[in-house]
Amino acid sequence: MGVKGLILLAQAAKETGLLVITEVMSPQDVDMVANYADILQIGTRNMQNFNLLEAASKSGKPVMLKRGFSATIQEWLLAAEYVLALGNNQLILCERGIRTFETYTRNTMDISTIPIIEKVSHLPIIADPSHGTGKWYLVIPLALASVAAGADGVMVEVHPTPDTALKDGQQSLTFENFNKLMSQLQPVVAAVARRLAVPPSGK
């Protein structure tokens, strides 16, 4: 939807008090997206688009870099250097599953990546079990496992009626299941001596 979609995201942010993160796909679009988004997302297929990484870094906005679907951890960290090298230290890594020989799930969610990144890097890491599995009923257990493994956050797809969603309905949580996830996260977060953040508005 281009600019129209960005305007809708900005409107939703104003009404809810939430921040906006959205994907930018080309260096030419970085400035436009940065005008509306609080965080720029670099998708899995653009992990090694070095011109895009450099442009996103120069925007001064925080950047979330998703792991390439066939990337090693070392390749992912080297891609991250393209953002960091230009002085933008506001970088978040996102584990979203990798391609393996397994076909039952869309991707193989590599939870071992989370403690590895925490050991070898100073960067925060979040998990995306929605894209990591492609199946809604796996989102909650993989989200819980990610937090238990040390993830700094989780990103999940949510839709009021997933069966009628225009995109990614098969991996989206209903509002009811999202509330279930949040309630189950509380004891896991406490068990690993962390705490849940609240939106800026306190909602």
C-alpha atoms as a PDB file:
ATOM      1  CA  MET A   1       0.000   0.000   0.000  1.00  0.00           C
ATOM      2  CA  GLY A   2       3.020   2.289   0.059  1.00  0.00           C
ATOM      3  CA  VAL A   3       2.578   5.633   1.793  1.00  0.00           C
ATOM      4  CA  LYS A   4      -1.133   4.943   2.372  1.00  0.00           C
ATOM      5  CA  GLY A   5      -0.213   1.882   4.426  1.00  0.00           C
ATOM      6  CA  LEU A   6       2.376   3.811   6.399  1.00  0.00           C
ATOM      7  CA  ILE A   7      -0.193   6.488   7.200  1.00  0.00           C
ATOM      8  CA  LEU A   8      -2.552   3.814   8.516  1.00  0.00           C
ATOM      9  CA  LEU A   9       0.215   2.406  10.714  1.00  0.00           C
ATOM     10  CA  ALA A  10       0.967   5.871  12.074  1.00  0.00           C
ATOM     11  CA  GLN A  11      -2.735   6.402  12.790  1.00  0.00           C
ATOM     12  CA  ALA A  12      -2.927   3.077  14.662  1.00  0.00           C
ATOM     13  CA  ALA A  13       0.146   4.046  16.675  1.00  0.00           C
ATOM     14  CA  LYS A  14      -1.409   7.373  17.637  1.00  0.00           C
ATOM     15  CA  GLU A  15      -4.632   5.718  18.769  1.00  0.00           C
ATOM     16  CA  THR A  16      -2.975   2.931  20.787  1.00  0.00           C
ATOM     17  CA  GLY A  17       0.208   4.554  22.052  1.00  0.00           C
ATOM     18  CA  LEU A  18       2.231   1.715  20.527  1.00  0.00           C
ATOM     19  CA  LEU A  19       5.360   2.100  18.432  1.00  0.00           C
ATOM     20  CA  VAL A  20       5.514   1.136  14.749  1.00  0.00           C
ATOM     21  CA  ILE A  21       7.917  -1.378  13.256  1.00  0.00           C
ATOM     22  CA  THR A  22       7.577  -2.200   9.585  1.00  0.00           C
ATOM     23  CA  GLU A  23       9.693  -3.689   6.841  1.00  0.00           C
ATOM     24  CA  VAL A  24      11.635  -1.598   4.364  1.00  0.00           C
ATOM     25  CA  MET A  25      12.663  -3.428   1.222  1.00  0.00           C
ATOM     26  CA  SER A  26      14.868  -1.073  -0.782  1.00  0.00           C
ATOM     27  CA  PRO A  27      17.428   1.630  -0.024  1.00  0.00           C
ATOM     28  CA  GLN A  28      15.316   4.132  -1.948  1.00  0.00           C
ATOM     29  CA  ASP A  29      12.398   3.650   0.460  1.00  0.00           C
ATOM     30  CA  VAL A  30      14.331   4.047   3.720  1.00  0.00           C
ATOM     31  CA  ASP A  31      13.705   7.774   4.170  1.00  0.00           C
ATOM     32  CA  MET A  32      10.000   7.420   3.388  1.00  0.00           C
ATOM     33  CA  VAL A  33       9.493   4.523   5.817  1.00  0.00           C
ATOM     34  CA  ALA A  34      11.622   6.212   8.486  1.00  0.00           C
ATOM     35  CA  ASN A  35       9.241   9.195   8.421  1.00  0.00           C
ATOM     36  CA  TYR A  36       6.456   6.958   9.758  1.00  0.00           C
ATOM     37  CA  ALA A  37       8.110   4.022  11.532  1.00  0.00           C
ATOM     38  CA  ASP A  38       9.869   3.968  14.883  1.00  0.00           C
ATOM     39  CA  ILE A  39      11.883   0.861  13.943  1.00  0.00           C
ATOM     40  CA  LEU A  40      12.969  -0.308  10.490  1.00  0.00           C
ATOM     41  CA  GLN A  41      12.691  -4.044   9.851  1.00  0.00           C
ATOM     42  CA  ILE A  42      15.048  -5.799   7.445  1.00  0.00           C
ATOM     43  CA  GLY A  43      13.413  -9.012   6.279  1.00  0.00           C
ATOM     44  CA  THR A  44      14.996 -12.415   5.907  1.00  0.00           C
ATOM     45  CA  ARG A  45      15.406 -12.092   2.122  1.00  0.00           C
ATOM     46  CA  ASN A  46      17.263  -8.814   2.534  1.00  0.00           C
ATOM     47  CA  MET A  47      19.619  -9.841   5.319  1.00  0.00           C
ATOM     48  CA  GLN A  48      22.601  -9.519   2.971  1.00  0.00           C
ATOM     49  CA  ASN A  49      21.316  -6.532   0.994  1.00  0.00           C
ATOM     50  CA  PHE A  50      24.265  -4.453   2.123  1.00  0.00           C
ATOM     51  CA  ASN A  51      23.137  -1.245   0.425  1.00  0.00           C
ATOM     52  CA  LEU A  52      19.843  -1.502   2.303  1.00  0.00           C
ATOM     53  CA  LEU A  53      21.596  -2.221   5.606  1.00  0.00           C
ATOM     54  CA  GLU A  54      23.792   0.839   5.196  1.00  0.00           C
ATOM     55  CA  ALA A  55      20.860   3.071   4.228  1.00  0.00           C
ATOM     56  CA  ALA A  56      18.847   1.833   7.222  1.00  0.00           C
ATOM     57  CA  SER A  57      21.791   2.521   9.514  1.00  0.00           C
ATOM     58  CA  LYS A  58      22.180   6.064   8.192  1.00  0.00           C
ATOM     59  CA  SER A  59      18.497   6.768   8.922  1.00  0.00           C
ATOM     60  CA  GLY A  60      19.348   6.934  12.615  1.00  0.00           C
ATOM     61  CA  LYS A  61      16.314   4.802  13.430  1.00  0.00           C
ATOM     62  CA  PRO A  62      16.563   1.516  15.345  1.00  0.00           C
ATOM     63  CA  VAL A  63      16.900  -1.455  13.008  1.00  0.00           C
ATOM     64  CA  MET A  64      15.641  -5.011  13.444  1.00  0.00           C
ATOM     65  CA  LEU A  65      17.578  -7.504  11.344  1.00  0.00           C
ATOM     66  CA  LYS A  66      15.910 -10.836  10.686  1.00  0.00           C
ATOM     67  CA  ARG A  67      18.083 -13.885  10.160  1.00  0.00           C
ATOM     68  CA  GLY A  68      18.267 -15.031   6.548  1.00  0.00           C
ATOM     69  CA  PHE A  69      16.349 -18.254   6.013  1.00  0.00           C
ATOM     70  CA  SER A  70      19.532 -20.047   4.926  1.00  0.00           C
ATOM     71  CA  ALA A  71      22.057 -17.972   6.880  1.00  0.00           C
ATOM     72  CA  THR A  72      24.527 -19.237   9.417  1.00  0.00           C
ATOM     73  CA  ILE A  73      24.860 -17.366  12.692  1.00  0.00           C
ATOM     74  CA  GLN A  74      28.235 -16.030  11.558  1.00  0.00           C
ATOM     75  CA  GLU A  75      26.765 -14.697   8.299  1.00  0.00           C
ATOM     76  CA  TRP A  76      23.976 -13.038  10.276  1.00  0.00           C
ATOM     77  CA  LEU A  77      26.410 -11.332  12.632  1.00  0.00           C
ATOM     78  CA  LEU A  78      28.563 -10.162   9.719  1.00  0.00           C
ATOM     79  CA  ALA A  79      25.460  -8.623   8.130  1.00  0.00           C
ATOM     80  CA  ALA A  80      24.757  -6.865  11.418  1.00  0.00           C
ATOM     81  CA  GLU A  81      28.200  -5.265  11.195  1.00  0.00           C
ATOM     82  CA  TYR A  82      27.039  -3.268   8.165  1.00  0.00           C
ATOM     83  CA  VAL A  83      24.554  -1.477  10.414  1.00  0.00           C
ATOM     84  CA  LEU A  84      26.885  -1.104  13.385  1.00  0.00           C
ATOM     85  CA  ALA A  85      29.888   0.041  11.344  1.00  0.00           C
ATOM     86  CA  LEU A  86      28.165   3.295  10.419  1.00  0.00           C
ATOM     87  CA  GLY A  87      27.597   4.222  14.037  1.00  0.00           C
ATOM     88  CA  ASN A  88      24.009   3.060  14.513  1.00  0.00           C
ATOM     89  CA  ASN A  89      24.079   0.920  17.652  1.00  0.00           C
ATOM     90  CA  GLN A  90      20.298   0.599  17.867  1.00  0.00           C
ATOM     91  CA  LEU A  91      20.220  -2.884  16.378  1.00  0.00           C
ATOM     92  CA  ILE A  92      17.961  -5.809  17.275  1.00  0.00           C
ATOM     93  CA  LEU A  93      18.401  -9.334  15.908  1.00  0.00           C
ATOM     94  CA  CYS A  94      15.377 -11.515  15.168  1.00  0.00           C
ATOM     95  CA  GLU A  95      15.458 -15.317  14.930  1.00  0.00           C
ATOM     96  CA  ARG A  96      12.659 -16.330  12.556  1.00  0.00           C
ATOM     97  CA  GLY A  97      13.525 -19.902  11.668  1.00  0.00           C
ATOM     98  CA  ILE A  98      15.774 -21.342   8.985  1.00  0.00           C
ATOM     99  CA  ARG A  99      15.271 -23.602   6.004  1.00  0.00           C
ATOM    100  CA  THR A 100      16.051 -27.283   6.658  1.00  0.00           C
ATOM    101  CA  PHE A 101      14.986 -30.609   5.166  1.00  0.00           C
ATOM    102  CA  GLU A 102      11.916 -30.619   7.451  1.00  0.00           C
ATOM    103  CA  THR A 103       8.672 -29.805   5.621  1.00  0.00           C
ATOM    104  CA  TYR A 104       6.078 -30.176   8.376  1.00  0.00           C
ATOM    105  CA  THR A 105       6.721 -26.610   9.521  1.00  0.00           C
ATOM    106  CA  ARG A 106       7.410 -23.656   7.244  1.00  0.00           C
ATOM    107  CA  ASN A 107      10.833 -23.176   8.829  1.00  0.00           C
ATOM    108  CA  THR A 108      12.830 -24.780  11.621  1.00  0.00           C
ATOM    109  CA  MET A 109      12.799 -22.496  14.649  1.00  0.00           C
ATOM    110  CA  ASP A 110      16.393 -22.460  15.883  1.00  0.00           C
ATOM    111  CA  ILE A 111      16.022 -21.654  19.569  1.00  0.00           C
ATOM    112  CA  SER A 112      19.664 -22.522  20.236  1.00  0.00           C
ATOM    113  CA  THR A 113      20.518 -19.328  18.367  1.00  0.00           C
ATOM    114  CA  ILE A 114      19.178 -17.233  21.246  1.00  0.00           C
ATOM    115  CA  PRO A 115      21.693 -18.216  23.950  1.00  0.00           C
ATOM    116  CA  ILE A 116      24.459 -18.341  21.331  1.00  0.00           C
ATOM    117  CA  ILE A 117      23.816 -14.721  20.316  1.00  0.00           C
ATOM    118  CA  GLU A 118      23.729 -13.708  23.957  1.00  0.00           C
ATOM    119  CA  LYS A 119      27.110 -15.384  24.500  1.00  0.00           C
ATOM    120  CA  VAL A 120      28.951 -14.053  21.445  1.00  0.00           C
ATOM    121  CA  SER A 121      27.252 -10.686  20.962  1.00  0.00           C
ATOM    122  CA  HIS A 122      26.064  -7.674  22.931  1.00  0.00           C
ATOM    123  CA  LEU A 123      22.969  -7.306  20.740  1.00  0.00           C
ATOM    124  CA  PRO A 124      19.409  -7.925  21.929  1.00  0.00           C
ATOM    125  CA  ILE A 125      17.579 -10.779  20.218  1.00  0.00           C
ATOM    126  CA  ILE A 126      13.889 -11.472  19.794  1.00  0.00           C
ATOM    127  CA  ALA A 127      12.072 -14.506  18.403  1.00  0.00           C
ATOM    128  CA  ASP A 128       9.411 -14.737  15.687  1.00  0.00           C
ATOM    129  CA  PRO A 129       7.636 -18.076  16.196  1.00  0.00           C
ATOM    130  CA  SER A 130       4.864 -17.128  13.768  1.00  0.00           C
ATOM    131  CA  HIS A 131       7.152 -17.091  10.736  1.00  0.00           C
ATOM    132  CA  GLY A 132       9.419 -19.583  12.447  1.00  0.00           C
ATOM    133  CA  THR A 133       6.784 -22.314  12.246  1.00  0.00           C
ATOM    134  CA  GLY A 134       3.949 -21.097  10.005  1.00  0.00           C
ATOM    135  CA  LYS A 135       1.406 -22.817  12.293  1.00  0.00           C
ATOM    136  CA  TRP A 136      -0.627 -20.918  14.883  1.00  0.00           C
ATOM    137  CA  TYR A 137      -0.753 -23.772  17.395  1.00  0.00           C
ATOM    138  CA  LEU A 138       3.040 -23.836  17.581  1.00  0.00           C
ATOM    139  CA  VAL A 139       3.369 -20.113  18.272  1.00  0.00           C
ATOM    140  CA  ILE A 140       2.650 -20.226  22.007  1.00  0.00           C
ATOM    141  CA  PRO A 141       4.967 -23.132  22.917  1.00  0.00           C
ATOM    142  CA  LEU A 142       7.793 -21.748  20.775  1.00  0.00           C
ATOM    143  CA  ALA A 143       7.315 -18.252  22.199  1.00  0.00           C
ATOM    144  CA  LEU A 144       7.518 -19.629  25.729  1.00  0.00           C
ATOM    145  CA  ALA A 145      10.581 -21.697  24.856  1.00  0.00           C
ATOM    146  CA  SER A 146      12.261 -18.655  23.281  1.00  0.00           C
ATOM    147  CA  VAL A 147      11.784 -16.550  26.397  1.00  0.00           C
ATOM    148  CA  ALA A 148      13.003 -19.405  28.574  1.00  0.00           C
ATOM    149  CA  ALA A 149      16.107 -19.587  26.372  1.00  0.00           C
ATOM    150  CA  GLY A 150      16.793 -15.907  26.980  1.00  0.00           C
ATOM    151  CA  ALA A 151      14.997 -13.997  24.207  1.00  0.00           C
ATOM    152  CA  ASP A 152      14.513 -10.301  24.911  1.00  0.00           C
ATOM    153  CA  GLY A 153      11.111 -10.369  23.226  1.00  0.00           C
ATOM    154  CA  VAL A 154       8.784 -12.203  20.885  1.00  0.00           C
ATOM    155  CA  MET A 155       7.012 -11.050  17.753  1.00  0.00           C
ATOM    156  CA  VAL A 156       3.761 -12.809  16.887  1.00  0.00           C
ATOM    157  CA  GLU A 157       1.006 -12.426  14.311  1.00  0.00           C
ATOM    158  CA  VAL A 158      -2.436 -11.648  15.765  1.00  0.00           C
ATOM    159  CA  HIS A 159      -5.757 -11.344  13.927  1.00  0.00           C
ATOM    160  CA  PRO A 160      -9.370 -11.206  15.187  1.00  0.00           C
ATOM    161  CA  THR A 161     -10.476 -13.768  12.567  1.00  0.00           C
ATOM    162  CA  PRO A 162      -7.441 -15.609  11.170  1.00  0.00           C
ATOM    163  CA  ASP A 163      -9.589 -17.690   8.803  1.00  0.00           C
ATOM    164  CA  THR A 164     -10.479 -14.523   6.885  1.00  0.00           C
ATOM    165  CA  ALA A 165      -7.075 -12.836   7.089  1.00  0.00           C
ATOM    166  CA  LEU A 166      -5.700 -11.615   3.776  1.00  0.00           C
ATOM    167  CA  LYS A 167      -2.238 -12.849   4.723  1.00  0.00           C
ATOM    168  CA  ASP A 168      -0.626 -15.239   7.217  1.00  0.00           C
ATOM    169  CA  GLY A 169      -3.890 -16.376   8.786  1.00  0.00           C
ATOM    170  CA  GLN A 170      -2.569 -19.894   9.309  1.00  0.00           C
ATOM    171  CA  GLN A 171       0.123 -18.589  11.654  1.00  0.00           C
ATOM    172  CA  SER A 172      -1.922 -15.898  13.418  1.00  0.00           C
ATOM    173  CA  LEU A 173      -3.200 -16.068  16.979  1.00  0.00           C
ATOM    174  CA  THR A 174      -6.754 -15.064  17.772  1.00  0.00           C
ATOM    175  CA  PHE A 175      -7.202 -12.401  20.452  1.00  0.00           C
ATOM    176  CA  GLU A 176      -8.129 -15.188  22.851  1.00  0.00           C
ATOM    177  CA  ASN A 177      -4.966 -17.142  22.115  1.00  0.00           C
ATOM    178  CA  PHE A 178      -2.866 -13.978  22.343  1.00  0.00           C
ATOM    179  CA  ASN A 179      -4.256 -13.332  25.822  1.00  0.00           C
ATOM    180  CA  LYS A 180      -3.455 -16.957  26.659  1.00  0.00           C
ATOM    181  CA  LEU A 181       0.131 -16.431  25.505  1.00  0.00           C
ATOM    182  CA  MET A 182       0.520 -13.307  27.621  1.00  0.00           C
ATOM    183  CA  SER A 183      -0.802 -15.031  30.733  1.00  0.00           C
ATOM    184  CA  GLN A 184       1.489 -18.020  30.219  1.00  0.00           C
ATOM    185  CA  LEU A 185       4.484 -15.758  29.627  1.00  0.00           C
ATOM    186  CA  GLN A 186       4.245 -14.254  33.102  1.00  0.00           C
ATOM    187  CA  PRO A 187       5.570 -17.254  35.069  1.00  0.00           C
ATOM    188  CA  VAL A 188       8.206 -18.033  32.418  1.00  0.00           C
ATOM    189  CA  VAL A 189       9.497 -14.474  32.504  1.00  0.00           C
ATOM    190  CA  ALA A 190       9.605 -14.576  36.284  1.00  0.00           C
ATOM    191  CA  ALA A 191      11.413 -17.933  36.252  1.00  0.00           C
ATOM    192  CA  VAL A 192      14.270 -16.485  34.184  1.00  0.00           C
ATOM    193  CA  ALA A 193      14.429 -13.311  36.298  1.00  0.00           C
ATOM    194  CA  ARG A 194      13.068 -11.003  33.616  1.00  0.00           C
ATOM    195  CA  ARG A 195      10.010  -8.762  33.440  1.00  0.00           C
ATOM    196  CA  LEU A 196       7.406  -7.927  30.818  1.00  0.00           C
ATOM    197  CA  ALA A 197       7.538  -4.428  29.377  1.00  0.00           C
ATOM    198  CA  VAL A 198       4.401  -2.319  29.039  1.00  0.00           C
ATOM    199  CA  PRO A 199       3.468  -0.044  26.106  1.00  0.00           C
ATOM    200  CA  PRO A 200       4.454   3.625  26.443  1.00  0.00           C
ATOM    201  CA  SER A 201       0.828   4.520  27.097  1.00  0.00           C
ATOM    202  CA  GLY A 202       0.628   1.983  29.927  1.00  0.00           C
ATOM    203  CA  LYS A 203      -2.300   0.211  28.198  1.00  0.00           C
END
